[in-house]
Amino acid sequence: MAMTPVPPGRSLRDLRHLTPARVGLGRSGAGMPTDALLAFTLDHARARDAVHATFDTSALMQRLAALGLEPFEVRSRVRDRKEYLRRPDLGRMLDEASQRALAAHGGRPRRLAIVVGDGLSPAAVNSHASELVRGLVPRLAIDGIEVDGAVVASGARVALGDEIGAILGASMLVMLIGERPGLSSPDSLGAYLTFAPRPGRTDAERNCVSNIHGAGLGYDEAASRVAWLVREGLARGVTGVALKDESGGTPQRIAAGVDCPDKTAV
């Protein structure tokens, strides 16, 4: 009787083709092989560089203006990048000059505002934010939703958008911000959505679309997901754990509410 051949087993080398995680690196004596060690060191340096990259607000303002959004620039209460990393609380509050200027700039209720903040990876925002907005605006227009205000925020944490949205009188706020760099994705952008933003909102009251970068979630898919969440959030009057993504995409690519990975150290 002929035996059915047993398919060859999968190896760790096969797994390495499916994930950017560091698996099956091998070893040299008690340590890693030189190639693996050098690759780790390079990725670690890229992550550190992304955190300390210069936030190119001028270029970003020009790109957003070219999309017809008339951006407005503000700052948090942090004085420099070192303080930003040591004092997350200061990155959640506008400085006094920005508060006054934004209050003068506001003055009327608006349906949707977009805030673009540097976060923990200014490199991600420099690379991806304007392209995501470019894909988002026409998708929102299909549903009759106008982006009524764009703000560029330096020294920003996610919760800074709550104060900005409250001052602007926005019903919905989309915060685009650089996520904490990882060893496989130093330039990952996140989009956080909050209905009726105001200081004191918790992460459970937000939705998040994360890992937007060249090797992760593409602009088209990310824009479609954000547009769906904006439309449904406005229609239902909620975001966060009360609004789960049902846009029909791959569930592993989006985390909603408290399921969003804590990549920004909000």
C-alpha atoms as a PDB file:
ATOM      1  CA  MET A   1       0.000   0.000   0.000  1.00  0.00           C
ATOM      2  CA  ALA A   2       1.455   3.325  -1.077  1.00  0.00           C
ATOM      3  CA  MET A   3       2.117   5.820   1.655  1.00  0.00           C
ATOM      4  CA  THR A   4       0.904   9.391   1.243  1.00  0.00           C
ATOM      5  CA  PRO A   5       3.961  11.622   1.208  1.00  0.00           C
ATOM      6  CA  VAL A   6       4.215  13.925   4.184  1.00  0.00           C
ATOM      7  CA  PRO A   7       4.700  17.551   3.170  1.00  0.00           C
ATOM      8  CA  PRO A   8       7.915  19.036   4.453  1.00  0.00           C
ATOM      9  CA  GLY A   9       7.567  21.032   7.648  1.00  0.00           C
ATOM     10  CA  ARG A  10       7.806  24.784   7.770  1.00  0.00           C
ATOM     11  CA  SER A  11      10.976  26.267   9.166  1.00  0.00           C
ATOM     12  CA  LEU A  12      11.699  29.435  11.066  1.00  0.00           C
ATOM     13  CA  ARG A  13      13.222  30.737   7.859  1.00  0.00           C
ATOM     14  CA  ASP A  14       9.790  30.457   6.222  1.00  0.00           C
ATOM     15  CA  LEU A  15       8.274  32.403   9.109  1.00  0.00           C
ATOM     16  CA  ARG A  16      10.767  35.215   8.619  1.00  0.00           C
ATOM     17  CA  HIS A  17       9.265  35.849   5.177  1.00  0.00           C
ATOM     18  CA  LEU A  18       5.840  36.433   6.770  1.00  0.00           C
ATOM     19  CA  THR A  19       6.709  38.900   9.527  1.00  0.00           C
ATOM     20  CA  PRO A  20       9.146  41.731  10.194  1.00  0.00           C
ATOM     21  CA  ALA A  21       9.529  40.388  13.754  1.00  0.00           C
ATOM     22  CA  ARG A  22      12.946  39.115  14.715  1.00  0.00           C
ATOM     23  CA  VAL A  23      12.563  35.325  14.673  1.00  0.00           C
ATOM     24  CA  GLY A  24      14.973  32.545  13.818  1.00  0.00           C
ATOM     25  CA  LEU A  25      18.028  34.780  13.927  1.00  0.00           C
ATOM     26  CA  GLY A  26      20.360  31.977  14.923  1.00  0.00           C
ATOM     27  CA  ARG A  27      23.274  32.487  17.259  1.00  0.00           C
ATOM     28  CA  SER A  28      27.000  32.746  17.368  1.00  0.00           C
ATOM     29  CA  GLY A  29      28.234  31.237  20.584  1.00  0.00           C
ATOM     30  CA  ALA A  30      26.156  32.828  23.341  1.00  0.00           C
ATOM     31  CA  GLY A  31      25.153  35.846  21.236  1.00  0.00           C
ATOM     32  CA  MET A  32      23.483  36.807  17.968  1.00  0.00           C
ATOM     33  CA  PRO A  33      25.195  36.524  14.610  1.00  0.00           C
ATOM     34  CA  THR A  34      26.979  39.686  13.543  1.00  0.00           C
ATOM     35  CA  ASP A  35      24.536  40.418  10.698  1.00  0.00           C
ATOM     36  CA  ALA A  36      21.528  40.199  13.041  1.00  0.00           C
ATOM     37  CA  LEU A  37      23.230  42.404  15.627  1.00  0.00           C
ATOM     38  CA  LEU A  38      24.120  45.047  13.054  1.00  0.00           C
ATOM     39  CA  ALA A  39      20.564  45.021  11.649  1.00  0.00           C
ATOM     40  CA  PHE A  40      19.142  45.472  15.150  1.00  0.00           C
ATOM     41  CA  THR A  41      21.533  48.332  15.868  1.00  0.00           C
ATOM     42  CA  LEU A  42      20.599  50.058  12.603  1.00  0.00           C
ATOM     43  CA  ASP A  43      16.850  49.733  13.230  1.00  0.00           C
ATOM     44  CA  HIS A  44      17.292  51.021  16.780  1.00  0.00           C
ATOM     45  CA  ALA A  45      19.185  54.051  15.448  1.00  0.00           C
ATOM     46  CA  ARG A  46      16.433  54.717  12.893  1.00  0.00           C
ATOM     47  CA  ALA A  47      13.811  54.606  15.643  1.00  0.00           C
ATOM     48  CA  ARG A  48      15.783  57.080  17.774  1.00  0.00           C
ATOM     49  CA  ASP A  49      16.285  59.373  14.783  1.00  0.00           C
ATOM     50  CA  ALA A  50      12.531  59.308  14.057  1.00  0.00           C
ATOM     51  CA  VAL A  51      11.745  60.453  17.608  1.00  0.00           C
ATOM     52  CA  HIS A  52      14.163  63.386  17.363  1.00  0.00           C
ATOM     53  CA  ALA A  53      13.465  64.317  13.737  1.00  0.00           C
ATOM     54  CA  THR A  54      12.567  67.935  12.998  1.00  0.00           C
ATOM     55  CA  PHE A  55       8.845  68.520  12.547  1.00  0.00           C
ATOM     56  CA  ASP A  56       8.642  70.286   9.180  1.00  0.00           C
ATOM     57  CA  THR A  57       5.637  72.474   9.924  1.00  0.00           C
ATOM     58  CA  SER A  58       6.276  74.870   7.020  1.00  0.00           C
ATOM     59  CA  ALA A  59       6.182  72.134   4.388  1.00  0.00           C
ATOM     60  CA  LEU A  60       3.167  70.514   6.036  1.00  0.00           C
ATOM     61  CA  MET A  61       1.272  73.813   6.159  1.00  0.00           C
ATOM     62  CA  GLN A  62       1.961  74.351   2.466  1.00  0.00           C
ATOM     63  CA  ARG A  63       0.735  70.873   1.551  1.00  0.00           C
ATOM     64  CA  LEU A  64      -2.454  71.246   3.577  1.00  0.00           C
ATOM     65  CA  ALA A  65      -3.059  74.697   2.098  1.00  0.00           C
ATOM     66  CA  ALA A  66      -2.697  73.196  -1.380  1.00  0.00           C
ATOM     67  CA  LEU A  67      -5.553  70.857  -0.443  1.00  0.00           C
ATOM     68  CA  GLY A  68      -7.698  73.877   0.415  1.00  0.00           C
ATOM     69  CA  LEU A  69      -7.687  73.403   4.194  1.00  0.00           C
ATOM     70  CA  GLU A  70      -6.228  76.756   5.372  1.00  0.00           C
ATOM     71  CA  PRO A  71      -4.197  75.272   8.273  1.00  0.00           C
ATOM     72  CA  PHE A  72      -3.576  77.068  11.553  1.00  0.00           C
ATOM     73  CA  GLU A  73      -0.438  76.479  13.667  1.00  0.00           C
ATOM     74  CA  VAL A  74      -0.388  75.949  17.446  1.00  0.00           C
ATOM     75  CA  ARG A  75       1.961  74.624  20.118  1.00  0.00           C
ATOM     76  CA  SER A  76       1.630  72.644  23.320  1.00  0.00           C
ATOM     77  CA  ARG A  77       3.213  73.767  26.593  1.00  0.00           C
ATOM     78  CA  VAL A  78       6.440  71.813  26.101  1.00  0.00           C
ATOM     79  CA  ARG A  79       9.490  73.994  25.488  1.00  0.00           C
ATOM     80  CA  ASP A  80      11.688  71.496  23.636  1.00  0.00           C
ATOM     81  CA  ARG A  81      11.924  67.859  22.606  1.00  0.00           C
ATOM     82  CA  LYS A  82      13.594  66.747  25.831  1.00  0.00           C
ATOM     83  CA  GLU A  83      10.749  68.178  27.882  1.00  0.00           C
ATOM     84  CA  TYR A  84       8.243  66.615  25.478  1.00  0.00           C
ATOM     85  CA  LEU A  85       9.644  63.157  26.221  1.00  0.00           C
ATOM     86  CA  ARG A  86       9.855  63.736  29.971  1.00  0.00           C
ATOM     87  CA  ARG A  87       6.546  65.560  30.505  1.00  0.00           C
ATOM     88  CA  PRO A  88       3.704  63.933  28.531  1.00  0.00           C
ATOM     89  CA  ASP A  89       1.200  66.022  30.512  1.00  0.00           C
ATOM     90  CA  LEU A  90       2.496  69.267  28.984  1.00  0.00           C
ATOM     91  CA  GLY A  91       2.002  67.843  25.499  1.00  0.00           C
ATOM     92  CA  ARG A  92      -1.712  67.483  26.233  1.00  0.00           C
ATOM     93  CA  MET A  93      -2.261  71.220  26.864  1.00  0.00           C
ATOM     94  CA  LEU A  94      -2.030  74.224  24.545  1.00  0.00           C
ATOM     95  CA  ASP A  95       0.246  77.067  25.523  1.00  0.00           C
ATOM     96  CA  GLU A  96      -1.491  80.337  26.375  1.00  0.00           C
ATOM     97  CA  ALA A  97      -0.626  82.087  23.112  1.00  0.00           C
ATOM     98  CA  SER A  98      -2.095  79.203  21.110  1.00  0.00           C
ATOM     99  CA  GLN A  99      -5.223  79.180  23.253  1.00  0.00           C
ATOM    100  CA  ARG A 100      -5.843  82.870  22.569  1.00  0.00           C
ATOM    101  CA  ALA A 101      -5.051  82.648  18.872  1.00  0.00           C
ATOM    102  CA  LEU A 102      -7.164  79.546  18.357  1.00  0.00           C
ATOM    103  CA  ALA A 103     -10.104  81.082  20.218  1.00  0.00           C
ATOM    104  CA  ALA A 104      -9.923  84.111  17.914  1.00  0.00           C
ATOM    105  CA  HIS A 105      -9.664  81.796  14.904  1.00  0.00           C
ATOM    106  CA  GLY A 106     -12.719  79.774  15.979  1.00  0.00           C
ATOM    107  CA  GLY A 107     -15.997  81.275  17.060  1.00  0.00           C
ATOM    108  CA  ARG A 108     -18.460  79.069  15.218  1.00  0.00           C
ATOM    109  CA  PRO A 109     -19.505  75.434  15.514  1.00  0.00           C
ATOM    110  CA  ARG A 110     -18.009  73.098  12.943  1.00  0.00           C
ATOM    111  CA  ARG A 111     -18.734  69.520  12.032  1.00  0.00           C
ATOM    112  CA  LEU A 112     -15.219  68.133  11.523  1.00  0.00           C
ATOM    113  CA  ALA A 113     -11.730  69.406  12.272  1.00  0.00           C
ATOM    114  CA  ILE A 114      -8.392  67.746  11.545  1.00  0.00           C
ATOM    115  CA  VAL A 115      -5.344  68.184  13.763  1.00  0.00           C
ATOM    116  CA  VAL A 116      -1.901  67.053  12.604  1.00  0.00           C
ATOM    117  CA  GLY A 117       0.594  66.672  15.449  1.00  0.00           C
ATOM    118  CA  ASP A 118       4.209  65.565  15.543  1.00  0.00           C
ATOM    119  CA  GLY A 119       3.794  62.977  18.314  1.00  0.00           C
ATOM    120  CA  LEU A 120       6.594  60.516  18.950  1.00  0.00           C
ATOM    121  CA  SER A 121       7.585  60.281  15.279  1.00  0.00           C
ATOM    122  CA  PRO A 122       7.719  63.611  13.452  1.00  0.00           C
ATOM    123  CA  ALA A 123       9.273  61.621  10.593  1.00  0.00           C
ATOM    124  CA  ALA A 124       6.000  59.724  10.144  1.00  0.00           C
ATOM    125  CA  VAL A 125       3.969  62.936   9.979  1.00  0.00           C
ATOM    126  CA  ASN A 126       6.389  64.562   7.544  1.00  0.00           C
ATOM    127  CA  SER A 127       6.131  61.542   5.251  1.00  0.00           C
ATOM    128  CA  HIS A 128       2.492  60.451   5.434  1.00  0.00           C
ATOM    129  CA  ALA A 129       0.074  62.990   6.935  1.00  0.00           C
ATOM    130  CA  SER A 130      -0.625  65.145   3.882  1.00  0.00           C
ATOM    131  CA  GLU A 131      -1.022  62.116   1.610  1.00  0.00           C
ATOM    132  CA  LEU A 132      -3.537  60.580   3.980  1.00  0.00           C
ATOM    133  CA  VAL A 133      -5.474  63.852   4.092  1.00  0.00           C
ATOM    134  CA  ARG A 134      -5.367  63.977   0.286  1.00  0.00           C
ATOM    135  CA  GLY A 135      -7.137  60.614   0.165  1.00  0.00           C
ATOM    136  CA  LEU A 136      -9.498  61.422   3.031  1.00  0.00           C
ATOM    137  CA  VAL A 137     -11.007  64.726   1.852  1.00  0.00           C
ATOM    138  CA  PRO A 138     -12.722  63.410  -1.316  1.00  0.00           C
ATOM    139  CA  ARG A 139     -14.062  60.351   0.533  1.00  0.00           C
ATOM    140  CA  LEU A 140     -15.658  62.596   3.131  1.00  0.00           C
ATOM    141  CA  ALA A 141     -17.053  64.842   0.394  1.00  0.00           C
ATOM    142  CA  ILE A 142     -18.991  61.879  -1.017  1.00  0.00           C
ATOM    143  CA  ASP A 143     -20.906  61.785   2.286  1.00  0.00           C
ATOM    144  CA  GLY A 144     -21.333  65.557   2.320  1.00  0.00           C
ATOM    145  CA  ILE A 145     -18.823  66.020   5.144  1.00  0.00           C
ATOM    146  CA  GLU A 146     -16.547  69.033   4.809  1.00  0.00           C
ATOM    147  CA  VAL A 147     -13.237  69.291   6.637  1.00  0.00           C
ATOM    148  CA  ASP A 148     -13.947  72.523   8.468  1.00  0.00           C
ATOM    149  CA  GLY A 149     -10.609  73.444   9.943  1.00  0.00           C
ATOM    150  CA  ALA A 150      -7.070  72.044   9.955  1.00  0.00           C
ATOM    151  CA  VAL A 151      -4.567  72.636  12.750  1.00  0.00           C
ATOM    152  CA  VAL A 152      -0.853  71.799  12.831  1.00  0.00           C
ATOM    153  CA  ALA A 153       0.305  71.203  16.411  1.00  0.00           C
ATOM    154  CA  SER A 154       3.896  70.987  17.631  1.00  0.00           C
ATOM    155  CA  GLY A 155       4.846  69.126  20.801  1.00  0.00           C
ATOM    156  CA  ALA A 156       1.559  67.247  20.589  1.00  0.00           C
ATOM    157  CA  ARG A 157       0.176  64.249  22.403  1.00  0.00           C
ATOM    158  CA  VAL A 158      -3.106  62.672  21.314  1.00  0.00           C
ATOM    159  CA  ALA A 159      -5.175  64.398  24.002  1.00  0.00           C
ATOM    160  CA  LEU A 160      -4.066  67.835  22.810  1.00  0.00           C
ATOM    161  CA  GLY A 161      -6.722  67.412  20.130  1.00  0.00           C
ATOM    162  CA  ASP A 162      -9.430  67.422  22.813  1.00  0.00           C
ATOM    163  CA  GLU A 163      -8.646  70.990  23.832  1.00  0.00           C
ATOM    164  CA  ILE A 164      -8.249  72.113  20.220  1.00  0.00           C
ATOM    165  CA  GLY A 165     -11.536  70.518  19.205  1.00  0.00           C
ATOM    166  CA  ALA A 166     -13.370  72.057  22.138  1.00  0.00           C
ATOM    167  CA  ILE A 167     -12.099  75.558  21.345  1.00  0.00           C
ATOM    168  CA  LEU A 168     -13.041  75.139  17.679  1.00  0.00           C
ATOM    169  CA  GLY A 169     -16.473  73.786  18.583  1.00  0.00           C
ATOM    170  CA  ALA A 170     -15.917  70.659  16.464  1.00  0.00           C
ATOM    171  CA  SER A 171     -18.445  67.835  16.583  1.00  0.00           C
ATOM    172  CA  MET A 172     -15.779  65.375  15.417  1.00  0.00           C
ATOM    173  CA  LEU A 173     -12.010  65.602  15.597  1.00  0.00           C
ATOM    174  CA  VAL A 174      -9.467  63.542  13.645  1.00  0.00           C
ATOM    175  CA  MET A 175      -5.975  63.663  15.133  1.00  0.00           C
ATOM    176  CA  LEU A 176      -3.161  62.493  12.849  1.00  0.00           C
ATOM    177  CA  ILE A 177      -0.008  61.909  14.879  1.00  0.00           C
ATOM    178  CA  GLY A 178       3.308  60.080  14.737  1.00  0.00           C
ATOM    179  CA  GLU A 179       3.238  56.809  16.633  1.00  0.00           C
ATOM    180  CA  ARG A 180       5.999  55.537  18.878  1.00  0.00           C
ATOM    181  CA  PRO A 181       8.690  54.184  16.521  1.00  0.00           C
ATOM    182  CA  GLY A 182       9.269  50.454  16.529  1.00  0.00           C
ATOM    183  CA  LEU A 183      12.264  48.505  15.322  1.00  0.00           C
ATOM    184  CA  SER A 184      10.392  47.589  12.129  1.00  0.00           C
ATOM    185  CA  SER A 185       8.391  50.808  11.616  1.00  0.00           C
ATOM    186  CA  PRO A 186      10.066  54.088  12.600  1.00  0.00           C
ATOM    187  CA  ASP A 187       7.614  56.145  10.496  1.00  0.00           C
ATOM    188  CA  SER A 188       4.168  54.861  11.496  1.00  0.00           C
ATOM    189  CA  LEU A 189       1.264  57.332  11.498  1.00  0.00           C
ATOM    190  CA  GLY A 190      -1.880  56.971  13.618  1.00  0.00           C
ATOM    191  CA  ALA A 191      -5.334  58.540  13.215  1.00  0.00           C
ATOM    192  CA  TYR A 192      -7.394  59.092  16.377  1.00  0.00           C
ATOM    193  CA  LEU A 193     -11.081  60.038  16.164  1.00  0.00           C
ATOM    194  CA  THR A 194     -13.022  61.659  19.001  1.00  0.00           C
ATOM    195  CA  PHE A 195     -16.672  62.689  18.954  1.00  0.00           C
ATOM    196  CA  ALA A 196     -17.483  65.908  20.861  1.00  0.00           C
ATOM    197  CA  PRO A 197     -13.836  66.473  21.876  1.00  0.00           C
ATOM    198  CA  ARG A 198     -13.173  68.203  25.180  1.00  0.00           C
ATOM    199  CA  PRO A 199     -10.481  68.001  27.878  1.00  0.00           C
ATOM    200  CA  GLY A 200     -10.903  64.912  30.027  1.00  0.00           C
ATOM    201  CA  ARG A 201     -11.874  62.513  27.255  1.00  0.00           C
ATOM    202  CA  THR A 202     -10.407  59.033  27.778  1.00  0.00           C
ATOM    203  CA  ASP A 203      -8.883  56.606  25.301  1.00  0.00           C
ATOM    204  CA  ALA A 204     -12.028  54.476  25.601  1.00  0.00           C
ATOM    205  CA  GLU A 205     -13.865  57.343  23.896  1.00  0.00           C
ATOM    206  CA  ARG A 206     -11.624  57.332  20.816  1.00  0.00           C
ATOM    207  CA  ASN A 207     -11.212  55.184  17.734  1.00  0.00           C
ATOM    208  CA  CYS A 208      -7.801  54.569  16.239  1.00  0.00           C
ATOM    209  CA  VAL A 209      -6.536  53.554  12.819  1.00  0.00           C
ATOM    210  CA  SER A 210      -2.860  52.754  13.272  1.00  0.00           C
ATOM    211  CA  ASN A 211       0.261  51.521  11.451  1.00  0.00           C
ATOM    212  CA  ILE A 212      -0.161  53.805   8.444  1.00  0.00           C
ATOM    213  CA  HIS A 213       3.142  53.646   6.575  1.00  0.00           C
ATOM    214  CA  GLY A 214       4.803  52.189   3.510  1.00  0.00           C
ATOM    215  CA  ALA A 215       5.045  48.625   4.804  1.00  0.00           C
ATOM    216  CA  GLY A 216       1.797  48.770   6.784  1.00  0.00           C
ATOM    217  CA  LEU A 217      -1.657  50.167   6.121  1.00  0.00           C
ATOM    218  CA  GLY A 218      -1.768  52.066   2.817  1.00  0.00           C
ATOM    219  CA  TYR A 219      -3.221  55.527   2.320  1.00  0.00           C
ATOM    220  CA  ASP A 220      -6.298  54.327   0.429  1.00  0.00           C
ATOM    221  CA  GLU A 221      -7.350  51.752   2.998  1.00  0.00           C
ATOM    222  CA  ALA A 222      -6.567  54.050   5.913  1.00  0.00           C
ATOM    223  CA  ALA A 223      -8.515  56.942   4.350  1.00  0.00           C
ATOM    224  CA  SER A 224     -11.497  54.651   3.704  1.00  0.00           C
ATOM    225  CA  ARG A 225     -11.521  53.446   7.305  1.00  0.00           C
ATOM    226  CA  VAL A 226     -11.175  56.931   8.767  1.00  0.00           C
ATOM    227  CA  ALA A 227     -13.945  58.254   6.483  1.00  0.00           C
ATOM    228  CA  TRP A 228     -16.249  55.414   7.549  1.00  0.00           C
ATOM    229  CA  LEU A 229     -15.592  56.074  11.223  1.00  0.00           C
ATOM    230  CA  VAL A 230     -16.149  59.811  10.795  1.00  0.00           C
ATOM    231  CA  ARG A 231     -19.459  59.279   8.992  1.00  0.00           C
ATOM    232  CA  GLU A 232     -20.763  56.694  11.432  1.00  0.00           C
ATOM    233  CA  GLY A 233     -19.430  58.537  14.467  1.00  0.00           C
ATOM    234  CA  LEU A 234     -21.270  61.701  13.456  1.00  0.00           C
ATOM    235  CA  ALA A 235     -24.446  59.783  12.621  1.00  0.00           C
ATOM    236  CA  ARG A 236     -24.476  57.821  15.892  1.00  0.00           C
ATOM    237  CA  GLY A 237     -23.003  60.519  18.121  1.00  0.00           C
ATOM    238  CA  VAL A 238     -20.261  58.282  19.533  1.00  0.00           C
ATOM    239  CA  THR A 239     -16.690  57.124  19.101  1.00  0.00           C
ATOM    240  CA  GLY A 240     -14.553  54.643  21.044  1.00  0.00           C
ATOM    241  CA  VAL A 241     -15.793  51.357  22.447  1.00  0.00           C
ATOM    242  CA  ALA A 242     -19.340  52.211  21.336  1.00  0.00           C
ATOM    243  CA  LEU A 243     -18.259  52.400  17.672  1.00  0.00           C
ATOM    244  CA  LYS A 244     -16.613  49.302  16.220  1.00  0.00           C
ATOM    245  CA  ASP A 245     -15.197  49.306  12.719  1.00  0.00           C
ATOM    246  CA  GLU A 246     -17.623  47.621  10.336  1.00  0.00           C
ATOM    247  CA  SER A 247     -16.233  49.002   7.117  1.00  0.00           C
ATOM    248  CA  GLY A 248     -15.476  45.539   5.784  1.00  0.00           C
ATOM    249  CA  GLY A 249     -11.675  45.596   5.908  1.00  0.00           C
ATOM    250  CA  THR A 250      -9.199  43.297   7.582  1.00  0.00           C
ATOM    251  CA  PRO A 251      -9.858  43.455  11.344  1.00  0.00           C
ATOM    252  CA  GLN A 252      -6.186  43.004  12.191  1.00  0.00           C
ATOM    253  CA  ARG A 253      -5.417  46.313  10.480  1.00  0.00           C
ATOM    254  CA  ILE A 254      -7.543  48.500  12.743  1.00  0.00           C
ATOM    255  CA  ALA A 255      -8.025  48.751  16.470  1.00  0.00           C
ATOM    256  CA  ALA A 256     -10.997  50.618  17.881  1.00  0.00           C
ATOM    257  CA  GLY A 257     -11.266  52.416  21.196  1.00  0.00           C
ATOM    258  CA  VAL A 258      -9.254  50.849  24.013  1.00  0.00           C
ATOM    259  CA  ASP A 259      -8.076  48.100  21.672  1.00  0.00           C
ATOM    260  CA  CYS A 260      -5.807  50.594  19.931  1.00  0.00           C
ATOM    261  CA  PRO A 261      -2.133  49.807  20.686  1.00  0.00           C
ATOM    262  CA  ASP A 262      -0.556  52.338  23.029  1.00  0.00           C
ATOM    263  CA  LYS A 263       1.976  53.498  20.474  1.00  0.00           C
ATOM    264  CA  THR A 264       1.857  57.199  21.155  1.00  0.00           C
ATOM    265  CA  ALA A 265       2.164  57.154  24.968  1.00  0.00           C
ATOM    266  CA  VAL A 266      -0.825  59.500  25.039  1.00  0.00           C
END
